[in-house]
């Protein structure tokens, strides 16, 4: 699973999509004996939730790829809206997901697609 190829699944954007993505990823980790999947499941849940809540995308593609010796979670959608880390606000009831994600992974970001949309990705620890 080196390079950009890897396991993936297409999900309908819905309130159930984060759970479906989490379950799919847990299955991949188990079948490929990849070890502890806690951080990966947390990351994919946050990224898929953001697509569902903050875009009008109807389809979400999630992938797990191996790049430069690291597993990378990728979430692709058709929205040009970019993910933004909000500042810390102790009174806020939401909006901390990307801040939390940035503390769990080695690096994360997004790549705009030529055909429109983007892939938001997170490189997991070794």
C-alpha atoms as a PDB file:
ATOM      1  CA  UNK A   1       0.000   0.000   0.000  1.00  0.00           C
ATOM      2  CA  UNK A   2       2.776   2.465  -0.878  1.00  0.00           C
ATOM      3  CA  UNK A   3       2.148   5.476  -3.113  1.00  0.00           C
ATOM      4  CA  UNK A   4      -1.261   7.009  -3.661  1.00  0.00           C
ATOM      5  CA  UNK A   5      -3.144   3.731  -4.150  1.00  0.00           C
ATOM      6  CA  UNK A   6      -4.933   2.210  -1.220  1.00  0.00           C
ATOM      7  CA  UNK A   7      -8.192   0.933   0.179  1.00  0.00           C
ATOM      8  CA  UNK A   8     -11.261   3.120  -0.252  1.00  0.00           C
ATOM      9  CA  UNK A   9     -15.025   3.325  -0.040  1.00  0.00           C
ATOM     10  CA  UNK A  10     -17.747   5.685  -1.313  1.00  0.00           C
ATOM     11  CA  UNK A  11     -20.355   6.873   1.186  1.00  0.00           C
ATOM     12  CA  UNK A  12     -23.546   8.885   0.893  1.00  0.00           C
ATOM     13  CA  UNK A  13     -23.228  12.110   2.874  1.00  0.00           C
ATOM     14  CA  UNK A  14     -25.566  11.667   5.829  1.00  0.00           C
ATOM     15  CA  UNK A  15     -25.567  11.652   9.612  1.00  0.00           C
ATOM     16  CA  UNK A  16     -24.697   7.941   9.340  1.00  0.00           C
ATOM     17  CA  UNK A  17     -21.615   8.511   7.160  1.00  0.00           C
ATOM     18  CA  UNK A  18     -19.135   9.074  10.033  1.00  0.00           C
ATOM     19  CA  UNK A  19     -20.126   5.776  11.650  1.00  0.00           C
ATOM     20  CA  UNK A  20     -19.911   3.943   8.318  1.00  0.00           C
ATOM     21  CA  UNK A  21     -16.462   5.433   7.641  1.00  0.00           C
ATOM     22  CA  UNK A  22     -15.265   4.513  11.129  1.00  0.00           C
ATOM     23  CA  UNK A  23     -16.483   0.931  10.743  1.00  0.00           C
ATOM     24  CA  UNK A  24     -14.922   0.601   7.294  1.00  0.00           C
ATOM     25  CA  UNK A  25     -11.581   1.855   8.614  1.00  0.00           C
ATOM     26  CA  UNK A  26     -11.685  -0.470  11.632  1.00  0.00           C
ATOM     27  CA  UNK A  27     -12.283  -3.374   9.232  1.00  0.00           C
ATOM     28  CA  UNK A  28      -9.299  -2.345   7.075  1.00  0.00           C
ATOM     29  CA  UNK A  29      -7.035  -2.088  10.124  1.00  0.00           C
ATOM     30  CA  UNK A  30      -8.191  -5.480  11.389  1.00  0.00           C
ATOM     31  CA  UNK A  31      -7.926  -7.299   8.035  1.00  0.00           C
ATOM     32  CA  UNK A  32      -4.473  -5.878   7.316  1.00  0.00           C
ATOM     33  CA  UNK A  33      -3.185  -6.250  10.904  1.00  0.00           C
ATOM     34  CA  UNK A  34      -2.301  -2.555  11.090  1.00  0.00           C
ATOM     35  CA  UNK A  35      -2.455  -2.321  14.873  1.00  0.00           C
ATOM     36  CA  UNK A  36      -4.263   0.225  17.023  1.00  0.00           C
ATOM     37  CA  UNK A  37      -6.843   2.142  14.982  1.00  0.00           C
ATOM     38  CA  UNK A  38      -8.012   4.630  17.642  1.00  0.00           C
ATOM     39  CA  UNK A  39      -6.401   7.749  16.149  1.00  0.00           C
ATOM     40  CA  UNK A  40      -7.351   6.754  12.592  1.00  0.00           C
ATOM     41  CA  UNK A  41     -10.991   6.214  13.615  1.00  0.00           C
ATOM     42  CA  UNK A  42     -11.062   9.563  15.423  1.00  0.00           C
ATOM     43  CA  UNK A  43      -9.559  11.335  12.420  1.00  0.00           C
ATOM     44  CA  UNK A  44     -11.883   9.798   9.838  1.00  0.00           C
ATOM     45  CA  UNK A  45     -14.891  10.555  12.027  1.00  0.00           C
ATOM     46  CA  UNK A  46     -13.939  14.233  12.246  1.00  0.00           C
ATOM     47  CA  UNK A  47     -13.193  14.626   8.548  1.00  0.00           C
ATOM     48  CA  UNK A  48     -16.351  12.867   7.354  1.00  0.00           C
ATOM     49  CA  UNK A  49     -18.480  14.754   9.895  1.00  0.00           C
ATOM     50  CA  UNK A  50     -17.092  18.045   8.595  1.00  0.00           C
ATOM     51  CA  UNK A  51     -17.996  17.167   5.007  1.00  0.00           C
ATOM     52  CA  UNK A  52     -21.522  16.185   6.023  1.00  0.00           C
ATOM     53  CA  UNK A  53     -22.118  19.232   8.246  1.00  0.00           C
ATOM     54  CA  UNK A  54     -20.322  21.971   6.311  1.00  0.00           C
ATOM     55  CA  UNK A  55     -20.772  21.154   2.620  1.00  0.00           C
ATOM     56  CA  UNK A  56     -23.583  20.304   0.228  1.00  0.00           C
ATOM     57  CA  UNK A  57     -21.671  17.286  -1.093  1.00  0.00           C
ATOM     58  CA  UNK A  58     -23.848  14.215  -1.588  1.00  0.00           C
ATOM     59  CA  UNK A  59     -21.008  11.696  -1.903  1.00  0.00           C
ATOM     60  CA  UNK A  60     -17.878  11.225   0.228  1.00  0.00           C
ATOM     61  CA  UNK A  61     -14.919   9.063  -0.773  1.00  0.00           C
ATOM     62  CA  UNK A  62     -12.703   7.851   2.068  1.00  0.00           C
ATOM     63  CA  UNK A  63      -9.374   6.136   1.602  1.00  0.00           C
ATOM     64  CA  UNK A  64      -6.502   4.789   3.615  1.00  0.00           C
ATOM     65  CA  UNK A  65      -3.231   4.985   1.708  1.00  0.00           C
ATOM     66  CA  UNK A  66       0.395   4.431   2.613  1.00  0.00           C
ATOM     67  CA  UNK A  67       2.755   7.215   1.670  1.00  0.00           C
ATOM     68  CA  UNK A  68       6.381   7.666   2.726  1.00  0.00           C
ATOM     69  CA  UNK A  69       6.081   4.999   5.414  1.00  0.00           C
ATOM     70  CA  UNK A  70       2.951   6.515   6.989  1.00  0.00           C
ATOM     71  CA  UNK A  71      -0.727   5.715   6.776  1.00  0.00           C
ATOM     72  CA  UNK A  72      -2.726   8.632   5.436  1.00  0.00           C
ATOM     73  CA  UNK A  73      -6.476   9.018   5.863  1.00  0.00           C
ATOM     74  CA  UNK A  74      -8.024  10.821   2.887  1.00  0.00           C
ATOM     75  CA  UNK A  75     -11.553  12.188   2.596  1.00  0.00           C
ATOM     76  CA  UNK A  76     -12.618  13.462  -0.820  1.00  0.00           C
ATOM     77  CA  UNK A  77     -15.644  15.625  -1.517  1.00  0.00           C
ATOM     78  CA  UNK A  78     -16.951  17.890  -4.276  1.00  0.00           C
ATOM     79  CA  UNK A  79     -16.977  21.091  -2.215  1.00  0.00           C
ATOM     80  CA  UNK A  80     -14.453  23.879  -2.678  1.00  0.00           C
ATOM     81  CA  UNK A  81     -15.027  24.962   0.950  1.00  0.00           C
ATOM     82  CA  UNK A  82     -11.689  24.538   2.728  1.00  0.00           C
ATOM     83  CA  UNK A  83     -11.352  23.206   6.272  1.00  0.00           C
ATOM     84  CA  UNK A  84     -10.455  25.895   8.802  1.00  0.00           C
ATOM     85  CA  UNK A  85      -9.171  25.445  12.344  1.00  0.00           C
ATOM     86  CA  UNK A  86     -11.136  27.719  14.651  1.00  0.00           C
ATOM     87  CA  UNK A  87      -9.503  29.407  17.598  1.00  0.00           C
ATOM     88  CA  UNK A  88     -10.030  27.982  21.039  1.00  0.00           C
ATOM     89  CA  UNK A  89     -13.294  29.124  22.598  1.00  0.00           C
ATOM     90  CA  UNK A  90     -14.122  27.550  25.943  1.00  0.00           C
ATOM     91  CA  UNK A  91     -17.770  28.599  25.622  1.00  0.00           C
ATOM     92  CA  UNK A  92     -18.294  27.042  22.174  1.00  0.00           C
ATOM     93  CA  UNK A  93     -20.298  23.817  22.028  1.00  0.00           C
ATOM     94  CA  UNK A  94     -18.620  22.710  18.788  1.00  0.00           C
ATOM     95  CA  UNK A  95     -15.849  23.717  16.403  1.00  0.00           C
ATOM     96  CA  UNK A  96     -12.859  22.070  18.091  1.00  0.00           C
ATOM     97  CA  UNK A  97     -12.577  19.031  15.834  1.00  0.00           C
ATOM     98  CA  UNK A  98      -9.815  20.194  13.516  1.00  0.00           C
ATOM     99  CA  UNK A  99      -7.879  21.633  16.444  1.00  0.00           C
ATOM    100  CA  UNK A 100      -8.081  18.227  18.143  1.00  0.00           C
ATOM    101  CA  UNK A 101      -7.160  16.473  14.901  1.00  0.00           C
ATOM    102  CA  UNK A 102      -4.049  18.641  14.524  1.00  0.00           C
ATOM    103  CA  UNK A 103      -2.885  17.426  17.930  1.00  0.00           C
ATOM    104  CA  UNK A 104      -3.388  13.745  17.042  1.00  0.00           C
ATOM    105  CA  UNK A 105      -1.644  13.514  13.667  1.00  0.00           C
ATOM    106  CA  UNK A 106       1.802  14.320  12.327  1.00  0.00           C
ATOM    107  CA  UNK A 107       0.412  16.597   9.646  1.00  0.00           C
ATOM    108  CA  UNK A 108      -2.864  17.346   7.912  1.00  0.00           C
ATOM    109  CA  UNK A 109      -4.095  19.541   5.108  1.00  0.00           C
ATOM    110  CA  UNK A 110      -6.106  19.526   1.930  1.00  0.00           C
ATOM    111  CA  UNK A 111      -5.435  19.319  -1.779  1.00  0.00           C
ATOM    112  CA  UNK A 112      -7.720  21.074  -4.258  1.00  0.00           C
ATOM    113  CA  UNK A 113      -8.752  18.874  -7.177  1.00  0.00           C
ATOM    114  CA  UNK A 114      -8.544  20.097 -10.780  1.00  0.00           C
ATOM    115  CA  UNK A 115     -12.093  18.885 -11.437  1.00  0.00           C
ATOM    116  CA  UNK A 116     -13.415  20.759  -8.376  1.00  0.00           C
ATOM    117  CA  UNK A 117     -13.632  19.669  -4.789  1.00  0.00           C
ATOM    118  CA  UNK A 118     -10.800  18.615  -2.530  1.00  0.00           C
ATOM    119  CA  UNK A 119      -9.138  15.824  -0.632  1.00  0.00           C
ATOM    120  CA  UNK A 120      -8.612  16.519   3.056  1.00  0.00           C
ATOM    121  CA  UNK A 121      -5.884  14.276   4.432  1.00  0.00           C
ATOM    122  CA  UNK A 122      -4.195  13.440   7.701  1.00  0.00           C
ATOM    123  CA  UNK A 123      -0.856  11.642   8.055  1.00  0.00           C
ATOM    124  CA  UNK A 124      -0.904   9.302  11.021  1.00  0.00           C
ATOM    125  CA  UNK A 125       2.102   8.616  13.233  1.00  0.00           C
ATOM    126  CA  UNK A 126       4.452   5.789  12.298  1.00  0.00           C
END
